[in-house]
């Protein structure tokens, strides 16, 4: 049987690879705790850097992860490591250049003793401010942006850095589905989003 072996080239191979990835994620990766989809976006004026240097997209992911860890530390008053599955998307609804991140994030994190601390709500504006400072500092370190411009952007009322975390995936106790575990429900949640985003790369898992 023919297989293009490339995600997104044909619906058959795309669906098969998604199912395999979703099964692996449900069975071996996801914790049975509530998760949220957290979307990170950047200002239009900074998108050009990511158009011509795709390696910066990985750095953008790391900036978002550091921002989450820092936010959780502020809220919980202790070091926490959240569970994260990160997905990079480089276009918008109109197939325009729009590099942004989709994270599936546990509602809380694990401390140094291995205990999970629940954080049921994320302050999007607070996390967006931390994320903006992380990204701008990274661009300044790479000498792609001057420190003066970074400070100017941070001084604007609307910096262009945004975070959206209202989409929530529940556990099996919160959303019982006959014949499905909570982890499978979470897997289906993210796989469903992936089918609606055929141009995105398969996500990578961060530390949990």
N, C-alpha and C. Protein backbone atom coordinates (compact mmCIF):
# COMPACT_ATOMS: atom_id res chain seq x y z
N UNK A 1 0.84 -1.19 0.00
CA UNK A 1 0.00 0.00 0.00
C UNK A 1 0.88 1.25 0.00
N UNK A 2 0.50 2.23 -0.81
CA UNK A 2 1.29 3.46 -0.91
C UNK A 2 1.22 4.27 0.38
N UNK A 3 2.34 4.84 0.76
CA UNK A 3 2.39 5.75 1.90
C UNK A 3 3.35 6.89 1.57
N UNK A 4 2.90 8.11 1.70
CA UNK A 4 3.77 9.25 1.42
C UNK A 4 4.80 9.44 2.53
N UNK A 5 4.50 8.87 3.75
CA UNK A 5 5.39 8.93 4.91
C UNK A 5 5.71 10.37 5.35
N UNK A 6 4.89 11.28 4.94
CA UNK A 6 5.10 12.68 5.31
C UNK A 6 3.81 13.25 5.86
N UNK A 7 3.84 13.74 7.07
CA UNK A 7 2.65 14.28 7.69
C UNK A 7 2.10 15.44 6.88
N UNK A 8 0.77 15.41 6.65
CA UNK A 8 0.11 16.50 5.97
C UNK A 8 0.08 16.36 4.46
N UNK A 9 0.85 15.41 3.89
CA UNK A 9 0.87 15.27 2.43
C UNK A 9 -0.42 14.64 1.93
N UNK A 10 -0.92 13.62 2.65
CA UNK A 10 -2.18 13.00 2.27
C UNK A 10 -2.98 12.71 3.52
N UNK A 11 -4.32 12.72 3.44
CA UNK A 11 -5.16 12.51 4.63
C UNK A 11 -4.94 11.16 5.29
N UNK A 12 -4.66 10.11 4.50
CA UNK A 12 -4.51 8.78 5.05
C UNK A 12 -3.30 8.68 5.98
N UNK A 13 -2.13 9.09 5.50
CA UNK A 13 -0.92 9.02 6.30
C UNK A 13 -1.00 9.97 7.49
N UNK A 14 -1.59 11.12 7.26
CA UNK A 14 -1.74 12.12 8.31
C UNK A 14 -2.57 11.54 9.46
N UNK A 15 -3.71 10.93 9.15
CA UNK A 15 -4.59 10.40 10.18
C UNK A 15 -3.94 9.23 10.91
N UNK A 16 -3.25 8.36 10.17
CA UNK A 16 -2.61 7.21 10.80
C UNK A 16 -1.54 7.64 11.78
N UNK A 17 -0.71 8.59 11.37
CA UNK A 17 0.36 9.04 12.25
C UNK A 17 -0.20 9.74 13.48
N UNK A 18 -1.29 10.48 13.31
CA UNK A 18 -1.93 11.13 14.44
C UNK A 18 -2.45 10.11 15.44
N UNK A 19 -3.08 9.04 14.95
CA UNK A 19 -3.60 8.02 15.84
C UNK A 19 -2.48 7.34 16.63
N UNK A 20 -1.37 7.05 15.95
CA UNK A 20 -0.24 6.41 16.63
C UNK A 20 0.34 7.33 17.68
N UNK A 21 0.48 8.60 17.33
CA UNK A 21 1.01 9.56 18.29
C UNK A 21 0.07 9.75 19.46
N UNK A 22 -1.25 9.84 19.19
CA UNK A 22 -2.22 10.02 20.25
C UNK A 22 -2.25 8.84 21.21
N UNK A 23 -2.13 7.62 20.67
CA UNK A 23 -2.10 6.43 21.52
C UNK A 23 -0.87 6.42 22.41
N UNK A 24 0.29 6.77 21.84
CA UNK A 24 1.51 6.83 22.65
C UNK A 24 1.37 7.87 23.75
N UNK A 25 0.82 9.03 23.42
CA UNK A 25 0.68 10.10 24.39
C UNK A 25 -0.25 9.69 25.53
N UNK A 26 -1.38 9.06 25.16
CA UNK A 26 -2.35 8.65 26.19
C UNK A 26 -1.77 7.59 27.11
N UNK A 27 -1.04 6.62 26.55
CA UNK A 27 -0.60 5.47 27.32
C UNK A 27 0.67 5.72 28.13
N UNK A 28 1.55 6.59 27.65
CA UNK A 28 2.86 6.69 28.29
C UNK A 28 3.21 8.09 28.80
N UNK A 29 2.49 9.11 28.39
CA UNK A 29 2.95 10.46 28.68
C UNK A 29 2.07 11.24 29.64
N UNK A 30 0.78 11.30 29.37
CA UNK A 30 -0.08 12.22 30.11
C UNK A 30 -0.38 11.75 31.53
N UNK A 31 -0.34 12.69 32.47
CA UNK A 31 -0.79 12.43 33.83
C UNK A 31 -2.30 12.60 33.90
N UNK A 32 -2.95 11.88 34.81
CA UNK A 32 -4.39 11.99 34.96
C UNK A 32 -4.72 13.17 35.88
N UNK A 33 -4.42 14.36 35.39
CA UNK A 33 -4.72 15.61 36.09
C UNK A 33 -5.31 16.57 35.07
N UNK A 34 -6.01 17.61 35.53
CA UNK A 34 -6.55 18.59 34.57
C UNK A 34 -5.43 19.26 33.78
N UNK A 35 -5.70 19.54 32.52
CA UNK A 35 -4.75 20.24 31.64
C UNK A 35 -5.45 21.44 31.01
N UNK A 36 -4.63 22.38 30.59
CA UNK A 36 -5.13 23.53 29.85
C UNK A 36 -4.33 23.72 28.57
N UNK A 37 -5.02 24.19 27.54
CA UNK A 37 -4.31 24.63 26.35
C UNK A 37 -3.91 26.09 26.56
N UNK A 38 -2.63 26.35 26.51
CA UNK A 38 -2.12 27.72 26.70
C UNK A 38 -1.48 28.16 25.39
N UNK A 39 -2.00 29.23 24.81
CA UNK A 39 -1.51 29.74 23.53
C UNK A 39 -0.69 31.00 23.76
N UNK A 40 0.53 31.01 23.25
CA UNK A 40 1.43 32.16 23.38
C UNK A 40 1.58 32.82 22.01
N UNK A 41 1.35 34.14 21.93
CA UNK A 41 1.54 34.87 20.69
C UNK A 41 2.49 36.05 20.91
N UNK A 42 3.12 36.49 19.83
CA UNK A 42 4.11 37.55 19.90
C UNK A 42 3.69 38.72 19.01
N UNK A 43 4.30 39.90 19.20
CA UNK A 43 3.94 41.07 18.38
C UNK A 43 4.26 40.86 16.89
N UNK A 44 3.49 41.51 16.03
CA UNK A 44 3.71 41.41 14.59
C UNK A 44 5.12 41.87 14.20
N UNK A 45 5.61 42.90 14.87
CA UNK A 45 6.89 43.47 14.47
C UNK A 45 8.07 42.52 14.74
N UNK A 46 7.86 41.49 15.58
CA UNK A 46 8.93 40.55 15.90
C UNK A 46 8.87 39.28 15.05
N UNK A 47 7.80 39.10 14.30
CA UNK A 47 7.61 37.84 13.57
C UNK A 47 8.66 37.63 12.49
N UNK A 48 9.18 38.70 11.94
CA UNK A 48 10.15 38.59 10.84
C UNK A 48 11.41 37.84 11.28
N UNK A 49 11.80 37.97 12.54
CA UNK A 49 12.98 37.25 13.02
C UNK A 49 12.81 35.74 12.89
N UNK A 50 11.60 35.27 13.14
CA UNK A 50 11.32 33.83 13.12
C UNK A 50 11.07 33.32 11.70
N UNK A 51 10.81 34.23 10.78
CA UNK A 51 10.62 33.83 9.39
C UNK A 51 11.94 33.41 8.76
N UNK A 52 13.01 34.11 9.07
CA UNK A 52 14.30 33.87 8.41
C UNK A 52 15.27 33.05 9.26
N UNK A 53 14.88 32.79 10.51
CA UNK A 53 15.74 31.96 11.38
C UNK A 53 14.84 31.02 12.16
N UNK A 54 14.59 29.84 11.59
CA UNK A 54 13.64 28.91 12.21
C UNK A 54 14.15 28.33 13.52
N UNK A 55 15.44 28.39 13.76
CA UNK A 55 15.96 27.89 15.03
C UNK A 55 15.44 28.72 16.21
N UNK A 56 15.04 29.95 15.93
CA UNK A 56 14.51 30.79 16.99
C UNK A 56 13.19 30.27 17.53
N UNK A 57 12.50 29.44 16.73
CA UNK A 57 11.23 28.89 17.20
C UNK A 57 11.44 27.98 18.41
N UNK A 58 12.54 27.22 18.41
CA UNK A 58 12.86 26.41 19.58
C UNK A 58 13.16 27.27 20.79
N UNK A 59 13.86 28.37 20.56
CA UNK A 59 14.15 29.30 21.67
C UNK A 59 12.86 29.93 22.18
N UNK A 60 11.91 30.17 21.27
CA UNK A 60 10.62 30.74 21.68
C UNK A 60 9.89 29.76 22.61
N UNK A 61 9.96 28.47 22.29
CA UNK A 61 9.38 27.45 23.16
C UNK A 61 10.01 27.48 24.55
N UNK A 62 11.34 27.57 24.57
CA UNK A 62 12.04 27.59 25.86
C UNK A 62 11.70 28.83 26.67
N UNK A 63 11.50 29.95 25.99
CA UNK A 63 11.08 31.17 26.68
C UNK A 63 9.70 30.97 27.32
N UNK A 64 8.80 30.34 26.59
CA UNK A 64 7.46 30.09 27.13
C UNK A 64 7.51 29.13 28.31
N UNK A 65 8.34 28.09 28.21
CA UNK A 65 8.46 27.14 29.32
C UNK A 65 9.04 27.80 30.56
N UNK A 66 10.07 28.62 30.37
CA UNK A 66 10.64 29.34 31.52
C UNK A 66 9.61 30.29 32.13
N UNK A 67 8.81 30.89 31.28
CA UNK A 67 7.77 31.81 31.77
C UNK A 67 6.73 31.07 32.60
N UNK A 68 6.32 29.89 32.15
CA UNK A 68 5.38 29.08 32.92
C UNK A 68 5.96 28.69 34.27
N UNK A 69 7.20 28.22 34.26
CA UNK A 69 7.84 27.80 35.51
C UNK A 69 7.95 28.98 36.47
N UNK A 70 8.31 30.13 35.95
CA UNK A 70 8.43 31.32 36.80
C UNK A 70 7.06 31.74 37.35
N UNK A 71 6.05 31.69 36.49
CA UNK A 71 4.70 32.06 36.94
C UNK A 71 4.22 31.12 38.04
N UNK A 72 4.41 29.81 37.85
CA UNK A 72 3.99 28.84 38.86
C UNK A 72 4.75 29.06 40.17
N UNK A 73 6.03 29.42 40.07
CA UNK A 73 6.82 29.67 41.28
C UNK A 73 6.26 30.86 42.04
N UNK A 74 5.86 31.90 41.31
CA UNK A 74 5.29 33.10 41.96
C UNK A 74 3.98 32.76 42.65
N UNK A 75 3.12 31.99 41.96
CA UNK A 75 1.79 31.67 42.49
C UNK A 75 1.89 30.70 43.66
N UNK A 76 2.71 29.65 43.50
CA UNK A 76 2.81 28.60 44.54
C UNK A 76 3.84 28.92 45.61
N UNK A 77 4.67 29.94 45.38
CA UNK A 77 5.75 30.32 46.30
C UNK A 77 6.74 29.18 46.51
N UNK A 78 6.92 28.38 45.48
CA UNK A 78 7.92 27.31 45.52
C UNK A 78 8.21 26.88 44.08
N UNK A 79 9.36 26.22 43.88
CA UNK A 79 9.74 25.75 42.56
C UNK A 79 8.82 24.61 42.12
N UNK A 80 8.16 24.78 40.96
CA UNK A 80 7.30 23.75 40.41
C UNK A 80 7.67 23.51 38.95
N UNK A 81 7.60 22.25 38.52
CA UNK A 81 7.81 21.93 37.12
C UNK A 81 6.51 21.41 36.53
N UNK A 82 5.88 22.18 35.64
CA UNK A 82 4.64 21.71 35.03
C UNK A 82 4.91 20.67 33.95
N UNK A 83 3.89 19.87 33.65
CA UNK A 83 3.97 18.97 32.50
C UNK A 83 3.52 19.73 31.26
N UNK A 84 4.31 19.66 30.19
CA UNK A 84 4.03 20.46 29.00
C UNK A 84 4.23 19.64 27.73
N UNK A 85 3.27 19.74 26.82
CA UNK A 85 3.45 19.26 25.44
C UNK A 85 3.39 20.52 24.58
N UNK A 86 4.47 20.79 23.84
CA UNK A 86 4.60 22.03 23.09
C UNK A 86 4.43 21.80 21.60
N UNK A 87 3.65 22.67 20.97
CA UNK A 87 3.44 22.60 19.53
C UNK A 87 3.69 23.97 18.92
N UNK A 88 4.48 24.00 17.87
CA UNK A 88 4.80 25.24 17.17
C UNK A 88 3.94 25.37 15.93
N UNK A 89 3.32 26.52 15.75
CA UNK A 89 2.58 26.80 14.52
C UNK A 89 3.08 28.11 13.95
N UNK A 90 3.31 28.16 12.66
CA UNK A 90 3.95 29.33 12.05
C UNK A 90 3.00 30.16 11.19
N UNK A 91 1.73 29.78 11.11
CA UNK A 91 0.80 30.53 10.27
C UNK A 91 -0.50 30.77 11.02
N UNK A 92 -1.28 31.72 10.52
CA UNK A 92 -2.58 32.03 11.10
C UNK A 92 -3.71 31.48 10.27
N UNK A 93 -4.94 31.91 10.58
CA UNK A 93 -6.13 31.42 9.88
C UNK A 93 -6.11 31.76 8.39
N UNK A 94 -5.43 32.83 8.04
CA UNK A 94 -5.37 33.24 6.63
C UNK A 94 -4.08 32.77 5.96
N UNK A 95 -3.42 31.79 6.55
CA UNK A 95 -2.16 31.25 6.05
C UNK A 95 -1.10 32.35 5.98
N UNK A 96 -1.21 33.32 6.87
CA UNK A 96 -0.23 34.40 6.97
C UNK A 96 0.84 34.02 7.99
N UNK A 97 1.98 34.68 7.91
CA UNK A 97 3.05 34.44 8.87
C UNK A 97 2.57 34.82 10.27
N UNK A 98 2.54 33.85 11.15
CA UNK A 98 2.05 34.10 12.50
C UNK A 98 2.62 33.04 13.45
N UNK A 99 3.93 33.11 13.74
CA UNK A 99 4.53 32.12 14.65
C UNK A 99 3.94 32.25 16.06
N UNK A 100 3.41 31.16 16.55
CA UNK A 100 2.87 31.14 17.91
C UNK A 100 2.94 29.72 18.45
N UNK A 101 2.64 29.57 19.73
CA UNK A 101 2.82 28.29 20.41
C UNK A 101 1.51 27.81 21.02
N UNK A 102 1.28 26.51 20.91
CA UNK A 102 0.18 25.86 21.62
C UNK A 102 0.80 24.89 22.62
N UNK A 103 0.54 25.12 23.89
CA UNK A 103 1.02 24.23 24.95
C UNK A 103 -0.16 23.51 25.58
N UNK A 104 -0.02 22.21 25.81
CA UNK A 104 -0.94 21.51 26.69
C UNK A 104 -0.24 21.42 28.03
N UNK A 105 -0.81 22.06 29.05
CA UNK A 105 -0.12 22.27 30.33
C UNK A 105 -0.93 21.69 31.48
N UNK A 106 -0.27 20.99 32.38
CA UNK A 106 -0.94 20.52 33.59
C UNK A 106 -1.35 21.71 34.45
N UNK A 107 -2.48 21.57 35.13
CA UNK A 107 -2.93 22.64 36.03
C UNK A 107 -2.16 22.54 37.34
N UNK A 108 -0.91 22.92 37.27
CA UNK A 108 -0.03 22.84 38.42
C UNK A 108 1.28 22.19 38.04
N UNK A 109 2.06 21.83 39.04
CA UNK A 109 3.37 21.23 38.76
C UNK A 109 3.88 20.42 39.94
N UNK A 110 5.01 19.78 39.72
CA UNK A 110 5.62 18.91 40.72
C UNK A 110 6.76 19.65 41.41
N UNK A 111 6.82 19.55 42.74
CA UNK A 111 7.90 20.21 43.46
C UNK A 111 9.11 19.27 43.57
N UNK A 112 10.14 19.70 44.29
CA UNK A 112 11.37 18.92 44.39
C UNK A 112 11.16 17.58 45.09
N UNK A 113 10.11 17.50 45.91
CA UNK A 113 9.82 16.26 46.64
C UNK A 113 8.95 15.30 45.82
N UNK A 114 8.56 15.73 44.62
CA UNK A 114 7.72 14.90 43.77
C UNK A 114 6.24 15.04 44.02
N UNK A 115 5.84 16.03 44.81
CA UNK A 115 4.42 16.26 45.11
C UNK A 115 3.82 17.21 44.09
N UNK A 116 2.59 16.91 43.66
CA UNK A 116 1.92 17.74 42.67
C UNK A 116 1.10 18.81 43.37
N UNK A 117 1.29 20.06 42.95
CA UNK A 117 0.55 21.20 43.49
C UNK A 117 -0.38 21.74 42.41
N UNK A 118 -1.66 21.77 42.71
CA UNK A 118 -2.66 22.19 41.73
C UNK A 118 -2.75 23.71 41.66
N UNK A 119 -2.75 24.23 40.45
CA UNK A 119 -2.98 25.66 40.20
C UNK A 119 -4.13 25.73 39.19
N UNK A 120 -5.35 25.91 39.66
CA UNK A 120 -6.52 25.75 38.80
C UNK A 120 -6.75 26.88 37.79
N UNK A 121 -6.08 28.01 37.99
CA UNK A 121 -6.34 29.14 37.10
C UNK A 121 -5.05 29.85 36.76
N UNK A 122 -4.95 30.32 35.52
CA UNK A 122 -3.78 31.09 35.08
C UNK A 122 -4.20 32.52 34.79
N UNK A 123 -3.46 33.45 35.33
CA UNK A 123 -3.67 34.87 35.03
C UNK A 123 -2.99 35.16 33.70
N UNK A 124 -3.78 35.23 32.63
CA UNK A 124 -3.21 35.37 31.29
C UNK A 124 -2.37 36.64 31.13
N UNK A 125 -2.85 37.74 31.68
CA UNK A 125 -2.11 38.99 31.53
C UNK A 125 -0.78 38.94 32.28
N UNK A 126 -0.79 38.33 33.47
CA UNK A 126 0.46 38.21 34.23
C UNK A 126 1.46 37.31 33.54
N UNK A 127 0.99 36.18 33.01
CA UNK A 127 1.89 35.27 32.30
C UNK A 127 2.38 35.90 31.00
N UNK A 128 1.53 36.66 30.33
CA UNK A 128 1.94 37.33 29.09
C UNK A 128 3.05 38.34 29.34
N UNK A 129 2.98 39.04 30.47
CA UNK A 129 4.04 40.00 30.80
C UNK A 129 5.37 39.30 31.03
N UNK A 130 5.34 38.18 31.76
CA UNK A 130 6.56 37.42 32.00
C UNK A 130 7.11 36.88 30.68
N UNK A 131 6.22 36.35 29.83
CA UNK A 131 6.61 35.80 28.54
C UNK A 131 7.25 36.88 27.66
N UNK A 132 6.65 38.07 27.63
CA UNK A 132 7.19 39.16 26.84
C UNK A 132 8.60 39.54 27.26
N UNK A 133 8.81 39.61 28.55
CA UNK A 133 10.15 39.96 29.05
C UNK A 133 11.17 38.88 28.71
N UNK A 134 10.76 37.62 28.77
CA UNK A 134 11.66 36.51 28.43
C UNK A 134 12.06 36.57 26.95
N UNK A 135 11.08 36.77 26.08
CA UNK A 135 11.36 36.79 24.64
C UNK A 135 12.24 37.97 24.27
N UNK A 136 11.90 39.14 24.78
CA UNK A 136 12.68 40.34 24.45
C UNK A 136 14.12 40.22 24.97
N UNK A 137 14.27 39.69 26.17
CA UNK A 137 15.62 39.51 26.72
C UNK A 137 16.42 38.54 25.86
N UNK A 138 15.76 37.52 25.35
CA UNK A 138 16.45 36.54 24.50
C UNK A 138 16.88 37.18 23.18
N UNK A 139 16.03 38.01 22.60
CA UNK A 139 16.38 38.68 21.34
C UNK A 139 17.50 39.70 21.55
N UNK A 140 17.50 40.35 22.70
CA UNK A 140 18.58 41.30 23.01
C UNK A 140 19.90 40.55 23.18
N UNK A 141 19.88 39.41 23.87
CA UNK A 141 21.10 38.62 24.05
C UNK A 141 21.66 38.17 22.71
N UNK A 142 20.79 37.88 21.77
CA UNK A 142 21.23 37.44 20.44
C UNK A 142 21.58 38.62 19.52
N UNK A 143 21.47 39.83 20.04
CA UNK A 143 21.78 41.05 19.30
C UNK A 143 20.90 41.22 18.07
N UNK A 144 19.67 40.73 18.17
CA UNK A 144 18.68 40.93 17.11
C UNK A 144 17.82 42.15 17.40
N UNK A 145 17.84 42.59 18.64
CA UNK A 145 17.03 43.72 19.06
C UNK A 145 17.83 44.52 20.08
N UNK A 146 17.74 45.83 20.00
CA UNK A 146 18.46 46.66 20.96
C UNK A 146 17.71 46.70 22.28
N UNK A 147 18.43 46.95 23.35
CA UNK A 147 17.79 47.03 24.66
C UNK A 147 16.84 48.22 24.72
N UNK A 148 17.16 49.28 23.96
CA UNK A 148 16.27 50.45 23.93
C UNK A 148 14.92 50.09 23.33
N UNK A 149 14.94 49.32 22.23
CA UNK A 149 13.69 48.91 21.60
C UNK A 149 12.91 47.96 22.50
N UNK A 150 13.61 47.09 23.20
CA UNK A 150 12.94 46.17 24.12
C UNK A 150 12.21 46.95 25.22
N UNK A 151 12.88 47.93 25.79
CA UNK A 151 12.24 48.75 26.82
C UNK A 151 11.08 49.55 26.26
N UNK A 152 11.21 50.01 25.02
CA UNK A 152 10.12 50.77 24.40
C UNK A 152 8.89 49.89 24.23
N UNK A 153 9.09 48.65 23.77
CA UNK A 153 7.95 47.74 23.59
C UNK A 153 7.28 47.45 24.93
N UNK A 154 8.09 47.23 25.96
CA UNK A 154 7.52 46.94 27.28
C UNK A 154 6.77 48.13 27.86
N UNK A 155 7.08 49.31 27.40
CA UNK A 155 6.40 50.51 27.91
C UNK A 155 5.05 50.75 27.27
N UNK A 156 4.78 50.07 26.16
CA UNK A 156 3.50 50.25 25.47
C UNK A 156 2.37 49.63 26.29
N UNK A 157 1.20 50.24 26.17
CA UNK A 157 0.03 49.71 26.88
C UNK A 157 -0.31 48.31 26.39
N UNK A 158 -0.25 48.10 25.08
CA UNK A 158 -0.47 46.79 24.48
C UNK A 158 0.83 46.37 23.79
N UNK A 159 1.55 45.48 24.40
CA UNK A 159 2.87 45.11 23.88
C UNK A 159 2.78 44.17 22.67
N UNK A 160 1.64 43.49 22.51
CA UNK A 160 1.52 42.51 21.43
C UNK A 160 1.80 41.08 21.89
N UNK A 161 2.29 40.94 23.13
CA UNK A 161 2.46 39.60 23.70
C UNK A 161 1.14 39.20 24.37
N UNK A 162 0.64 38.02 23.99
CA UNK A 162 -0.64 37.58 24.54
C UNK A 162 -0.58 36.11 24.94
N UNK A 163 -1.39 35.78 25.95
CA UNK A 163 -1.55 34.41 26.40
C UNK A 163 -3.03 34.12 26.54
N UNK A 164 -3.45 32.95 26.07
CA UNK A 164 -4.85 32.53 26.21
C UNK A 164 -4.87 31.13 26.81
N UNK A 165 -5.55 30.97 27.96
CA UNK A 165 -5.53 29.67 28.65
C UNK A 165 -6.92 29.20 29.07
N UNK A 166 -7.96 29.66 28.38
CA UNK A 166 -9.32 29.34 28.83
C UNK A 166 -9.79 27.95 28.40
N UNK A 167 -9.15 27.36 27.40
CA UNK A 167 -9.56 26.03 26.94
C UNK A 167 -9.01 24.98 27.89
N UNK A 168 -9.90 24.18 28.45
CA UNK A 168 -9.51 23.24 29.51
C UNK A 168 -9.88 21.82 29.13
N UNK A 169 -8.97 20.87 29.40
CA UNK A 169 -9.24 19.44 29.23
C UNK A 169 -9.33 18.83 30.61
N UNK A 170 -10.43 18.14 30.89
CA UNK A 170 -10.69 17.65 32.23
C UNK A 170 -10.17 16.23 32.46
N UNK A 171 -10.16 15.83 33.73
CA UNK A 171 -9.76 14.46 34.08
C UNK A 171 -10.97 13.55 33.98
N UNK A 172 -10.75 12.25 34.22
CA UNK A 172 -11.85 11.28 34.13
C UNK A 172 -12.89 11.51 35.22
N UNK A 173 -12.50 12.05 36.38
CA UNK A 173 -13.46 12.30 37.44
C UNK A 173 -14.32 13.52 37.14
N UNK A 174 -13.78 14.45 36.36
CA UNK A 174 -14.52 15.65 36.01
C UNK A 174 -15.33 15.47 34.73
N UNK A 175 -14.86 14.60 33.83
CA UNK A 175 -15.53 14.39 32.56
C UNK A 175 -15.55 12.90 32.25
N UNK A 176 -16.38 12.12 32.96
CA UNK A 176 -16.40 10.68 32.75
C UNK A 176 -16.89 10.33 31.36
N UNK A 177 -16.13 9.47 30.68
CA UNK A 177 -16.51 9.00 29.36
C UNK A 177 -16.48 7.47 29.41
N UNK A 178 -17.59 6.83 29.13
CA UNK A 178 -17.69 5.38 29.25
C UNK A 178 -16.64 4.69 28.38
N UNK A 179 -15.84 3.84 29.02
CA UNK A 179 -14.84 3.06 28.29
C UNK A 179 -13.56 3.81 28.01
N UNK A 180 -13.44 5.04 28.51
CA UNK A 180 -12.22 5.81 28.25
C UNK A 180 -11.62 6.29 29.56
N UNK A 181 -10.33 6.24 29.66
CA UNK A 181 -9.65 6.79 30.83
C UNK A 181 -9.53 8.29 30.67
N UNK A 182 -9.20 8.96 31.78
CA UNK A 182 -9.00 10.41 31.71
C UNK A 182 -7.86 10.76 30.78
N UNK A 183 -6.80 9.93 30.78
CA UNK A 183 -5.66 10.20 29.92
C UNK A 183 -6.05 10.08 28.45
N UNK A 184 -6.93 9.12 28.15
CA UNK A 184 -7.36 8.98 26.75
C UNK A 184 -8.19 10.18 26.34
N UNK A 185 -9.03 10.68 27.26
CA UNK A 185 -9.82 11.86 26.95
C UNK A 185 -8.92 13.04 26.63
N UNK A 186 -7.82 13.18 27.40
CA UNK A 186 -6.88 14.26 27.14
C UNK A 186 -6.21 14.08 25.79
N UNK A 187 -5.86 12.83 25.47
CA UNK A 187 -5.24 12.55 24.18
C UNK A 187 -6.16 12.91 23.03
N UNK A 188 -7.43 12.55 23.16
CA UNK A 188 -8.40 12.88 22.12
C UNK A 188 -8.58 14.38 21.99
N UNK A 189 -8.50 15.07 23.13
CA UNK A 189 -8.64 16.53 23.11
C UNK A 189 -7.58 17.18 22.22
N UNK A 190 -6.32 16.78 22.44
CA UNK A 190 -5.25 17.40 21.66
C UNK A 190 -5.20 16.87 20.24
N UNK A 191 -5.50 15.57 20.05
CA UNK A 191 -5.52 15.02 18.70
C UNK A 191 -6.57 15.71 17.85
N UNK A 192 -7.71 16.05 18.48
CA UNK A 192 -8.76 16.76 17.75
C UNK A 192 -8.29 18.11 17.28
N UNK A 193 -7.54 18.82 18.12
CA UNK A 193 -7.02 20.12 17.69
C UNK A 193 -6.05 19.93 16.53
N UNK A 194 -5.23 18.83 16.62
CA UNK A 194 -4.20 18.61 15.59
C UNK A 194 -4.81 18.37 14.22
N UNK A 195 -5.95 17.69 14.20
CA UNK A 195 -6.60 17.44 12.91
C UNK A 195 -7.06 18.74 12.27
N UNK A 196 -7.32 19.75 13.09
CA UNK A 196 -7.75 21.04 12.55
C UNK A 196 -6.56 21.92 12.20
N UNK A 197 -5.33 21.43 12.40
CA UNK A 197 -4.12 22.21 12.13
C UNK A 197 -3.15 21.38 11.31
N UNK A 198 -3.51 21.06 10.04
CA UNK A 198 -2.69 20.12 9.27
C UNK A 198 -1.30 20.62 8.94
N UNK A 199 -1.04 21.90 9.07
CA UNK A 199 0.28 22.41 8.72
C UNK A 199 1.23 22.50 9.88
N UNK A 200 0.76 22.16 11.08
CA UNK A 200 1.62 22.27 12.26
C UNK A 200 2.50 21.05 12.39
N UNK A 201 3.62 21.22 13.09
CA UNK A 201 4.51 20.10 13.35
C UNK A 201 3.97 19.27 14.50
N UNK A 202 4.28 17.97 14.51
CA UNK A 202 3.90 17.17 15.65
C UNK A 202 4.60 17.73 16.88
N UNK A 203 3.88 17.77 18.03
CA UNK A 203 4.42 18.43 19.22
C UNK A 203 5.54 17.65 19.87
N UNK A 204 6.26 18.37 20.71
CA UNK A 204 7.32 17.76 21.51
C UNK A 204 6.96 17.87 22.97
N UNK A 205 7.33 16.86 23.70
CA UNK A 205 7.01 16.83 25.12
C UNK A 205 8.15 17.46 25.91
N UNK A 206 7.77 18.29 26.88
CA UNK A 206 8.75 18.87 27.78
C UNK A 206 8.79 18.09 29.07
N UNK A 207 9.64 18.48 30.00
CA UNK A 207 9.74 17.78 31.28
C UNK A 207 8.46 17.87 32.05
N UNK A 208 8.17 16.84 32.82
CA UNK A 208 6.95 16.87 33.62
C UNK A 208 7.26 16.42 35.03
